[in-house]
Protein backbone atom coordinates (compact mmCIF):
# COMPACT_ATOMS: atom_id res chain seq x y z
CA UNK A 1 100.96 80.55 87.92
CA UNK A 2 102.32 83.63 86.15
CA UNK A 3 103.47 86.81 87.89
CA UNK A 4 100.24 88.72 87.26
CA UNK A 5 98.16 85.90 88.70
CA UNK A 6 100.38 85.78 91.77
CA UNK A 7 99.85 89.50 92.31
CA UNK A 8 96.09 89.11 91.93
CA UNK A 9 96.10 86.41 94.58
CA UNK A 10 98.13 88.55 96.98
CA UNK A 11 96.16 91.75 96.39
CA UNK A 12 92.68 90.24 96.72
CA UNK A 13 93.30 88.11 99.77
CA UNK A 14 92.55 88.79 103.42
CA UNK A 15 92.83 92.32 104.83
CA UNK A 16 96.15 93.47 106.22
CA UNK A 17 97.00 91.82 109.49
CA UNK A 18 97.17 93.68 112.76
CA UNK A 19 100.93 93.23 112.75
CA UNK A 20 101.21 94.85 109.31
CA UNK A 21 99.10 97.80 110.41
CA UNK A 22 101.17 98.25 113.57
CA UNK A 23 104.36 98.21 111.50
CA UNK A 24 102.82 100.77 109.15
CA UNK A 25 101.98 103.18 111.97
CA UNK A 26 105.28 102.66 113.79
CA UNK A 27 107.25 103.34 110.60
CA UNK A 28 105.23 106.51 109.99
CA UNK A 29 105.72 107.61 113.61
CA UNK A 30 109.49 107.29 113.18
CA UNK A 31 109.86 108.75 109.70
CA UNK A 32 107.44 111.69 109.83
CA UNK A 33 109.29 113.57 112.62
CA UNK A 34 112.56 113.12 110.71
CA UNK A 35 111.00 114.64 107.60
CA UNK A 36 109.45 117.51 109.58
CA UNK A 37 112.78 118.38 111.20
CA UNK A 38 114.60 118.20 107.85
CA UNK A 39 112.02 120.46 106.19
CA UNK A 40 112.23 122.92 109.08
CA UNK A 41 116.02 123.07 109.06
CA UNK A 42 116.34 123.08 105.28
CA UNK A 43 119.81 123.51 103.79
CA UNK A 44 122.20 120.59 103.99
CA UNK A 45 119.87 118.60 106.25
CA UNK A 46 116.99 118.62 103.80
CA UNK A 47 119.33 118.03 100.85
CA UNK A 48 120.93 115.05 102.59
CA UNK A 49 117.54 113.48 103.30
CA UNK A 50 116.42 113.93 99.69
CA UNK A 51 119.72 112.57 98.38
CA UNK A 52 119.47 109.48 100.59
CA UNK A 53 115.86 108.79 99.55
CA UNK A 54 116.76 109.33 95.89
CA UNK A 55 119.61 106.81 95.91
CA UNK A 56 117.41 104.24 97.69
CA UNK A 57 114.67 104.71 95.09
CA UNK A 58 117.20 104.39 92.25
CA UNK A 59 118.48 101.16 93.80
CA UNK A 60 114.94 99.79 93.98
CA UNK A 61 114.18 100.91 90.42
CA UNK A 62 117.28 99.37 88.83
CA UNK A 63 116.80 96.14 90.78
CA UNK A 64 113.18 95.98 89.60
CA UNK A 65 114.10 96.68 85.97
CA UNK A 66 117.39 94.80 85.63
CA UNK A 67 116.66 92.01 88.13
CA UNK A 68 120.04 92.42 89.75
CA UNK A 69 121.63 94.60 92.41
CA UNK A 70 124.42 97.17 91.98
CA UNK A 71 124.35 97.17 88.20
CA UNK A 72 126.29 99.59 86.03
CA UNK A 73 123.03 101.48 85.52
CA UNK A 74 122.61 101.85 89.28
CA UNK A 75 126.07 103.37 89.67
CA UNK A 76 125.56 105.74 86.73
CA UNK A 77 122.19 106.91 88.03
CA UNK A 78 123.10 107.13 91.71
CA UNK A 79 126.38 108.97 91.15
CA UNK A 80 124.62 111.26 88.70
CA UNK A 81 121.84 111.89 91.24
CA UNK A 82 124.35 112.72 93.97
CA UNK A 83 126.15 115.19 91.70
CA UNK A 84 122.87 116.68 90.43
CA UNK A 85 121.46 117.17 93.92
CA UNK A 86 124.71 118.73 95.11
CA UNK A 87 124.48 121.16 92.20
CA UNK A 88 120.85 121.89 93.03
CA UNK A 89 121.67 122.52 96.69
CA UNK A 90 124.34 124.97 95.47
CA UNK A 91 121.77 126.82 93.39
CA UNK A 92 122.99 125.54 90.00
CA UNK A 93 119.66 124.12 88.86
CA UNK A 94 120.46 124.17 85.15
CA UNK A 95 123.60 122.13 85.75
CA UNK A 96 121.63 119.80 88.02
CA UNK A 97 119.14 118.93 85.28
CA UNK A 98 121.93 118.51 82.71
CA UNK A 99 123.71 116.06 85.02
CA UNK A 100 120.40 114.27 85.58
CA UNK A 101 119.91 113.89 81.81
CA UNK A 102 123.51 112.71 81.34
CA UNK A 103 123.10 110.03 84.02
CA UNK A 104 119.94 108.78 82.32
CA UNK A 105 121.76 108.61 78.98
CA UNK A 106 124.63 106.70 80.59
CA UNK A 107 122.22 104.23 82.19
CA UNK A 108 120.53 103.73 78.82
CA UNK A 109 123.81 102.98 77.06
CA UNK A 110 125.07 100.65 79.76
CA UNK A 111 121.80 98.77 80.10
CA UNK A 112 121.29 98.49 76.35
CA UNK A 113 124.73 96.93 75.91
CA UNK A 114 124.24 94.58 78.85
CA UNK A 115 120.61 93.46 78.85
CA UNK A 116 118.83 95.36 76.02
CA UNK A 117 116.25 96.81 78.38
CA UNK A 118 115.47 99.85 76.31
CA UNK A 119 114.53 103.06 78.10
CA UNK A 120 113.47 101.52 81.42
CA UNK A 121 116.84 102.04 83.21
CA UNK A 122 117.14 105.63 81.93
CA UNK A 123 113.58 106.47 82.99
CA UNK A 124 114.78 106.60 86.61
CA UNK A 125 116.53 109.90 85.89
CA UNK A 126 113.28 111.51 84.77
CA UNK A 127 111.01 109.71 87.22
CA UNK A 128 113.15 109.92 90.38
CA UNK A 129 116.09 112.32 90.11
CA UNK A 130 114.36 115.22 88.32
CA UNK A 131 111.52 115.54 90.89
CA UNK A 132 114.13 115.39 93.68
CA UNK A 133 115.94 118.34 92.10
CA UNK A 134 112.63 120.19 91.85
CA UNK A 135 111.86 119.48 95.51
CA UNK A 136 115.17 120.99 96.60
CA UNK A 137 114.43 124.02 94.41
CA UNK A 138 111.05 124.40 96.12
CA UNK A 139 112.44 124.16 99.67
CA UNK A 140 115.26 126.58 98.88
CA UNK A 141 112.85 129.29 97.74
CA UNK A 142 113.82 132.19 100.03
CA UNK A 143 110.30 133.54 100.56
CA UNK A 144 107.94 130.57 100.72
CA UNK A 145 110.12 127.46 100.57
CA UNK A 146 109.52 126.11 104.05
CA UNK A 147 105.76 126.74 104.06
CA UNK A 148 105.27 125.35 100.56
CA UNK A 149 107.27 122.21 101.35
CA UNK A 150 105.27 121.60 104.53
CA UNK A 151 102.10 122.17 102.50
CA UNK A 152 103.19 119.61 99.89
CA UNK A 153 104.14 116.92 102.40
CA UNK A 154 100.97 117.37 104.44
CA UNK A 155 98.76 117.02 101.36
CA UNK A 156 100.52 113.88 100.16
CA UNK A 157 100.26 112.30 103.61
CA UNK A 158 96.59 113.26 103.83
CA UNK A 159 95.87 111.91 100.34
CA UNK A 160 97.62 108.63 101.10
CA UNK A 161 95.80 108.26 104.42
CA UNK A 162 92.44 109.19 102.92
CA UNK A 163 92.87 106.73 100.07
CA UNK A 164 93.94 103.95 102.45
CA UNK A 165 91.07 104.44 104.90
CA UNK A 166 88.27 104.87 102.37
CA UNK A 167 89.60 102.04 100.23
CA UNK A 168 89.55 99.69 103.23
CA UNK A 169 86.27 100.86 104.78
CA UNK A 170 84.19 101.45 101.66
CA UNK A 171 85.81 99.30 99.01
CA UNK A 172 83.52 99.10 96.02
CA UNK A 173 84.27 99.08 92.29
CA UNK A 174 87.88 98.67 91.22
CA UNK A 175 89.54 101.28 89.02
CA UNK A 176 91.41 99.08 86.56
CA UNK A 177 92.50 95.47 86.76
CA UNK A 178 95.33 96.26 84.36
CA UNK A 179 96.72 99.00 86.62
CA UNK A 180 96.04 97.46 90.02
CA UNK A 181 93.54 94.78 91.07
CA UNK A 182 93.09 96.30 94.54
CA UNK A 183 92.69 100.05 93.93
CA UNK A 184 89.10 101.34 94.18
CA UNK A 185 87.27 104.49 93.11
CA UNK A 186 86.44 105.05 96.78
CA UNK A 187 90.15 105.13 97.55
CA UNK A 188 90.76 107.67 94.79
CA UNK A 189 87.93 109.84 96.11
CA UNK A 190 89.26 109.58 99.65
CA UNK A 191 92.70 110.68 98.49
CA UNK A 192 91.35 113.72 96.68
CA UNK A 193 89.09 114.68 99.59
CA UNK A 194 91.93 114.22 102.08
CA UNK A 195 94.21 116.42 100.00
CA UNK A 196 91.52 119.09 99.62
CA UNK A 197 90.68 119.14 103.34
CA UNK A 198 94.30 119.45 104.44
CA UNK A 199 94.95 121.92 101.64
CA UNK A 200 92.30 124.25 103.06
CA UNK A 201 93.28 123.74 106.71
CA UNK A 202 97.06 123.79 106.31
CA UNK A 203 96.86 126.55 103.71
CA UNK A 204 94.86 128.76 106.05
CA UNK A 205 97.39 128.19 108.82
CA UNK A 206 100.49 128.64 106.66
CA UNK A 207 99.33 131.33 104.26
CA UNK A 208 96.32 132.99 105.91
CA UNK A 209 92.56 132.42 106.03
CA UNK A 210 91.96 134.32 102.79
CA UNK A 211 93.85 131.60 100.90
CA UNK A 212 91.75 128.71 102.25
CA UNK A 213 89.26 128.51 99.35
CA UNK A 214 91.94 128.56 96.67
CA UNK A 215 94.16 126.11 98.53
CA UNK A 216 91.25 123.71 98.99
CA UNK A 217 91.24 123.41 95.18
CA UNK A 218 95.02 123.21 95.06
CA UNK A 219 95.00 120.54 97.77
CA UNK A 220 92.44 118.50 95.87
CA UNK A 221 94.47 118.75 92.67
CA UNK A 222 97.68 117.71 94.44
CA UNK A 223 95.78 114.91 96.17
CA UNK A 224 94.66 113.71 92.73
CA UNK A 225 98.25 113.90 91.49
CA UNK A 226 99.36 111.87 94.50
CA UNK A 227 96.87 109.04 93.95
CA UNK A 228 97.71 109.06 90.22
CA UNK A 229 101.33 108.52 91.19
CA UNK A 230 100.28 105.53 93.26
CA UNK A 231 98.41 104.09 90.26
CA UNK A 232 101.35 104.60 87.92
CA UNK A 233 103.70 102.91 90.37
CA UNK A 234 101.26 99.99 90.65
CA UNK A 235 101.29 99.70 86.85
CA UNK A 236 105.10 99.65 86.84
CA UNK A 237 105.21 96.93 89.48
CA UNK A 238 102.56 94.91 87.71
CA UNK A 239 104.55 95.14 84.48
CA UNK A 240 107.54 93.59 86.26
CA UNK A 241 105.48 91.08 88.28
CA UNK A 242 105.98 92.63 91.73
CA UNK A 243 103.62 93.51 94.58
CA UNK A 244 106.11 95.54 96.63
CA UNK A 245 109.39 96.84 95.25
CA UNK A 246 111.26 96.07 98.48
CA UNK A 247 110.80 95.81 102.23
CA UNK A 248 112.89 98.88 103.02
CA UNK A 249 110.14 100.52 105.11
CA UNK A 250 108.36 97.99 107.36
CA UNK A 251 104.63 97.94 106.72
CA UNK A 252 104.93 100.14 103.63
CA UNK A 253 107.18 98.23 101.24
CA UNK A 254 109.94 100.07 99.46
CA UNK A 255 110.85 103.74 99.32
CA UNK A 256 109.25 103.90 95.87
CA UNK A 257 106.10 102.30 97.27
CA UNK A 258 105.98 105.03 99.91
CA UNK A 259 107.02 108.00 97.75
CA UNK A 260 105.22 107.31 94.47
CA UNK A 261 102.54 109.89 95.26
CA UNK A 262 105.17 112.41 96.36
CA UNK A 263 106.91 112.11 92.99
CA UNK A 264 103.79 113.12 91.07
CA UNK A 265 102.64 115.74 93.57
CA UNK A 266 106.10 117.33 93.64
CA UNK A 267 106.17 117.48 89.86
CA UNK A 268 102.73 119.10 89.77
CA UNK A 269 103.40 121.61 92.54
CA UNK A 270 106.86 122.71 91.44
CA UNK A 271 105.68 123.09 87.83
CA UNK A 272 102.72 125.23 88.94
CA UNK A 273 104.86 127.33 91.27
CA UNK A 274 107.50 127.86 88.58
CA UNK A 275 104.82 129.08 86.15
CA UNK A 276 103.39 131.33 88.87
CA UNK A 277 106.80 132.89 89.49
CA UNK A 278 107.41 133.21 85.76
CA UNK A 279 104.09 135.01 85.31
CA UNK A 280 104.98 137.35 88.15
CA UNK A 281 108.30 138.17 86.46
CA UNK A 282 106.53 139.01 83.22
CA UNK A 283 104.01 141.22 85.02
CA UNK A 284 106.79 142.93 86.93
């Protein structure tokens, strides 16, 4: 049995056990308050949380790609991420992205000489470190950073929950066997609807009732970005013959399994907010 067949067998078997669901909820109950406190406090606390999550995701990525732990690529990427995030937390965002790019180039050179893996090791810098820098930039915005970061996290959590519940309860046609044999259109719809609903509700609370209609659309778009991130991560894992990247978070799999939607939603939101600020500067 090849790796893809093994994944198919795992993904299309019996529903998640009660124990798995309990672990999932317990892990969420522990982690969510930590995230909320870090977002509220901001500064070094938020930066430290993002740095920790980034290094864990880089470890999972390099182990998935290189099939070994603590490779030269891991050290290049993780040290580069630590330096880049320190620069970002100090307000040197240009330097942060330059360090990020340099760490990806170093991982590419080291991996190419060792295992000839092409761009896969270097992709971690773009896929993991760059969105982490952008997330710190968003939270450190002096006017709206805290509210926008809460808004982003709430939408991603709502999209993930909506996709999970509707996928389990409704099921129905699968999206793509090549991407993931278990993902359904119902799950995608539930993720978008969950993001839109929380976007309107949380947006009205955080930014005022007049913003609810617009933020319903924004929430739906970010929810779509989140579920797309989940699909892309599934495609990566399927390419390397894995179901879960690790067991770092009980009931959820690895940090990358848990944060794949956040990566895409962060990229979408920070890009949109940057363009919004840039347009405001031009108008001013």
